[in-house]
Protein backbone atom coordinates (compact mmCIF):
# COMPACT_ATOMS: atom_id res chain seq x y z
CA UNK A 1 8.69 -17.79 -14.87
CA UNK A 2 9.17 -14.26 -16.19
CA UNK A 3 6.25 -14.50 -18.64
CA UNK A 4 4.05 -15.99 -15.94
CA UNK A 5 5.05 -13.27 -13.49
CA UNK A 6 4.32 -10.50 -15.99
CA UNK A 7 0.96 -12.08 -16.81
CA UNK A 8 0.10 -12.41 -13.11
CA UNK A 9 1.09 -8.80 -12.43
CA UNK A 10 -0.98 -7.58 -15.37
CA UNK A 11 -3.94 -9.64 -14.14
CA UNK A 12 -3.73 -8.36 -10.57
CA UNK A 13 -3.36 -4.74 -11.68
CA UNK A 14 -6.26 -5.13 -14.11
CA UNK A 15 -8.45 -6.63 -11.38
CA UNK A 16 -7.55 -3.86 -8.92
CA UNK A 17 -7.90 -0.99 -11.40
CA UNK A 18 -11.34 -2.25 -12.39
CA UNK A 19 -12.40 -1.71 -8.77
CA UNK A 20 -12.10 2.05 -8.23
CA UNK A 21 -14.03 1.65 -5.00
CA UNK A 22 -10.93 -0.13 -3.68
CA UNK A 23 -7.94 1.64 -5.15
CA UNK A 24 -9.11 5.26 -5.13
CA UNK A 25 -9.76 5.41 -1.36
CA UNK A 26 -6.73 3.22 -0.72
CA UNK A 27 -4.27 5.63 -2.31
CA UNK A 28 -6.14 8.84 -1.44
CA UNK A 29 -6.83 8.17 2.24
CA UNK A 30 -3.30 8.94 3.57
CA UNK A 31 -3.17 12.20 1.59
CA UNK A 32 -6.67 13.09 2.74
CA UNK A 33 -5.69 12.47 6.37
CA UNK A 34 -2.64 14.65 5.84
CA UNK A 35 -4.93 17.39 4.56
CA UNK A 36 -7.14 17.12 7.64
CA UNK A 37 -4.48 16.75 10.33
CA UNK A 38 -0.94 17.02 8.97
CA UNK A 39 -1.43 20.39 7.32
CA UNK A 40 -2.52 21.82 10.67
CA UNK A 41 0.66 20.47 12.26
CA UNK A 42 2.72 22.04 9.48
CA UNK A 43 1.00 25.41 9.91
CA UNK A 44 1.52 25.39 13.68
CA UNK A 45 5.27 25.68 13.46
CA UNK A 46 8.30 24.11 11.86
CA UNK A 47 6.73 20.68 11.87
CA UNK A 48 5.91 20.51 8.14
CA UNK A 49 8.59 18.04 7.11
CA UNK A 50 7.96 15.90 10.18
CA UNK A 51 4.21 15.74 9.50
CA UNK A 52 4.81 14.92 5.84
CA UNK A 53 7.24 12.13 6.67
CA UNK A 54 4.91 10.73 9.34
CA UNK A 55 1.97 10.55 6.96
CA UNK A 56 4.18 9.07 4.24
CA UNK A 57 5.11 6.24 6.62
CA UNK A 58 1.43 5.90 7.54
CA UNK A 59 0.72 5.46 3.82
CA UNK A 60 3.31 2.68 3.66
CA UNK A 61 1.92 0.76 6.60
CA UNK A 62 -1.75 1.48 5.97
CA UNK A 63 -1.75 0.58 2.30
CA UNK A 64 0.93 -2.11 2.33
CA UNK A 65 0.02 -3.97 5.48
CA UNK A 66 -3.62 -3.29 6.17
CA UNK A 67 -5.26 -2.98 2.75
CA UNK A 68 -3.36 -5.70 0.96
CA UNK A 69 -3.41 -8.08 3.92
CA UNK A 70 -7.18 -7.93 4.00
CA UNK A 71 -7.34 -8.23 0.20
CA UNK A 72 -5.22 -11.39 0.18
CA UNK A 73 -7.52 -13.00 2.74
CA UNK A 74 -10.60 -12.07 0.73
CA UNK A 75 -9.05 -13.26 -2.53
CA UNK A 76 -8.16 -16.63 -1.04
CA UNK A 77 -11.87 -17.40 -0.70
CA UNK A 78 -12.67 -16.23 -4.23
CA UNK A 79 -13.53 -19.14 -6.58
CA UNK A 80 -11.38 -17.61 -9.33
CA UNK A 81 -8.31 -17.67 -7.09
CA UNK A 82 -9.01 -21.25 -6.06
CA UNK A 83 -9.27 -22.20 -9.74
CA UNK A 84 -6.14 -20.19 -10.56
CA UNK A 85 -4.09 -22.21 -8.07
CA UNK A 86 -4.88 -25.39 -10.02
CA UNK A 87 -3.29 -24.04 -13.20
CA UNK A 88 0.22 -25.06 -14.22
CA UNK A 89 2.88 -22.51 -13.52
CA UNK A 90 5.21 -21.44 -10.79
CA UNK A 91 3.46 -21.24 -7.42
CA UNK A 92 5.41 -18.14 -6.37
CA UNK A 93 4.39 -16.02 -9.38
CA UNK A 94 0.98 -14.94 -8.01
CA UNK A 95 2.51 -13.98 -4.66
CA UNK A 96 5.40 -12.06 -6.20
CA UNK A 97 2.96 -10.27 -8.51
CA UNK A 98 0.69 -9.39 -5.58
CA UNK A 99 3.64 -7.98 -3.61
CA UNK A 100 4.77 -5.97 -6.65
CA UNK A 101 1.25 -4.58 -7.14
CA UNK A 102 1.06 -3.65 -3.46
CA UNK A 103 4.42 -1.89 -3.66
CA UNK A 104 3.15 0.09 -6.64
CA UNK A 105 0.05 1.20 -4.72
CA UNK A 106 2.20 2.10 -1.70
CA UNK A 107 4.49 4.28 -3.79
CA UNK A 108 1.50 6.04 -5.38
CA UNK A 109 0.01 6.69 -1.91
CA UNK A 110 3.34 8.07 -0.65
CA UNK A 111 3.68 10.29 -3.72
CA UNK A 112 0.18 11.67 -3.12
CA UNK A 113 1.08 12.52 0.49
CA UNK A 114 4.19 14.38 -0.70
CA UNK A 115 2.17 16.28 -3.32
CA UNK A 116 -0.53 17.10 -0.76
CA UNK A 117 2.09 18.42 1.66
CA UNK A 118 3.53 20.62 -1.05
CA UNK A 119 0.15 21.89 -2.31
CA UNK A 120 -1.65 22.33 1.02
CA UNK A 121 1.09 23.33 3.45
CA UNK A 122 3.87 24.43 1.10
CA UNK A 123 6.30 21.86 2.52
CA UNK A 124 9.44 21.56 0.43
CA UNK A 125 12.57 19.56 1.00
CA UNK A 126 15.86 19.32 -0.80
CA UNK A 127 16.14 16.77 -3.59
CA UNK A 128 18.40 14.70 -1.35
CA UNK A 129 15.83 14.72 1.47
CA UNK A 130 13.03 13.70 -0.90
CA UNK A 131 15.23 10.88 -2.19
CA UNK A 132 16.02 9.70 1.34
CA UNK A 133 12.35 9.84 2.36
CA UNK A 134 11.30 8.00 -0.80
CA UNK A 135 14.01 5.38 -0.29
CA UNK A 136 13.05 4.88 3.35
CA UNK A 137 9.39 4.49 2.40
CA UNK A 138 10.25 2.05 -0.39
CA UNK A 139 12.39 -0.04 1.96
CA UNK A 140 9.76 0.06 4.71
CA UNK A 141 7.10 -0.99 2.20
CA UNK A 142 8.73 -4.37 1.60
CA UNK A 143 8.28 -5.79 5.13
CA UNK A 144 4.89 -4.06 5.50
CA UNK A 145 3.58 -5.68 2.31
CA UNK A 146 5.11 -9.05 3.21
CA UNK A 147 3.54 -8.94 6.69
CA UNK A 148 0.18 -8.02 5.18
CA UNK A 149 0.48 -10.85 2.67
CA UNK A 150 1.41 -13.27 5.45
CA UNK A 151 -1.58 -12.15 7.52
CA UNK A 152 -3.89 -12.56 4.56
CA UNK A 153 -2.44 -15.99 3.86
CA UNK A 154 -3.28 -17.40 7.29
CA UNK A 155 -6.44 -15.50 8.29
CA UNK A 156 -9.93 -15.97 6.93
CA UNK A 157 -11.60 -13.05 5.19
CA UNK A 158 -13.72 -12.36 8.27
CA UNK A 159 -10.79 -12.55 10.67
CA UNK A 160 -8.37 -10.52 8.54
CA UNK A 161 -9.92 -7.12 9.26
CA UNK A 162 -9.97 -7.43 13.08
CA UNK A 163 -6.52 -9.02 13.14
CA UNK A 164 -5.11 -6.33 10.87
CA UNK A 165 -6.68 -3.65 13.07
CA UNK A 166 -5.23 -5.26 16.18
CA UNK A 167 -1.74 -5.48 14.70
CA UNK A 168 -1.95 -2.15 12.87
CA UNK A 169 -3.02 -0.11 15.85
């Protein structure tokens, strides 16, 4: 299963990276929102670390749950995915690979929020605090991605966006 899993992960990452219209806004949006709103909160007083952590968690939920939940629903109706399910191999490999790819995108989005907070508002934390924030975001990403994958697995591509909005907001 390891070779199949690596091949599935490489395939999913290749498909996603060939669509910059998907992944660039997906990972940049939380940092961009921080630049618009979070930096103002940080400048208003001692709220810099709080704003940075809040937008990092937003990146986890927004990217992990919303974006990948909708993507799973859209991919389920793709003829390539339907064909791919008929191939021999472990049935869990595509799902594990999709979750791993989503976790990678979540961590990139969180890292961009942290960099934006440092560059725009000058927010700095101790190494221990960065590690705790990163660990909390990584742990929170697992259920967010799994919930998004579950939503995408049961909803149609047209229903996934409104359902994700309803649950997300």
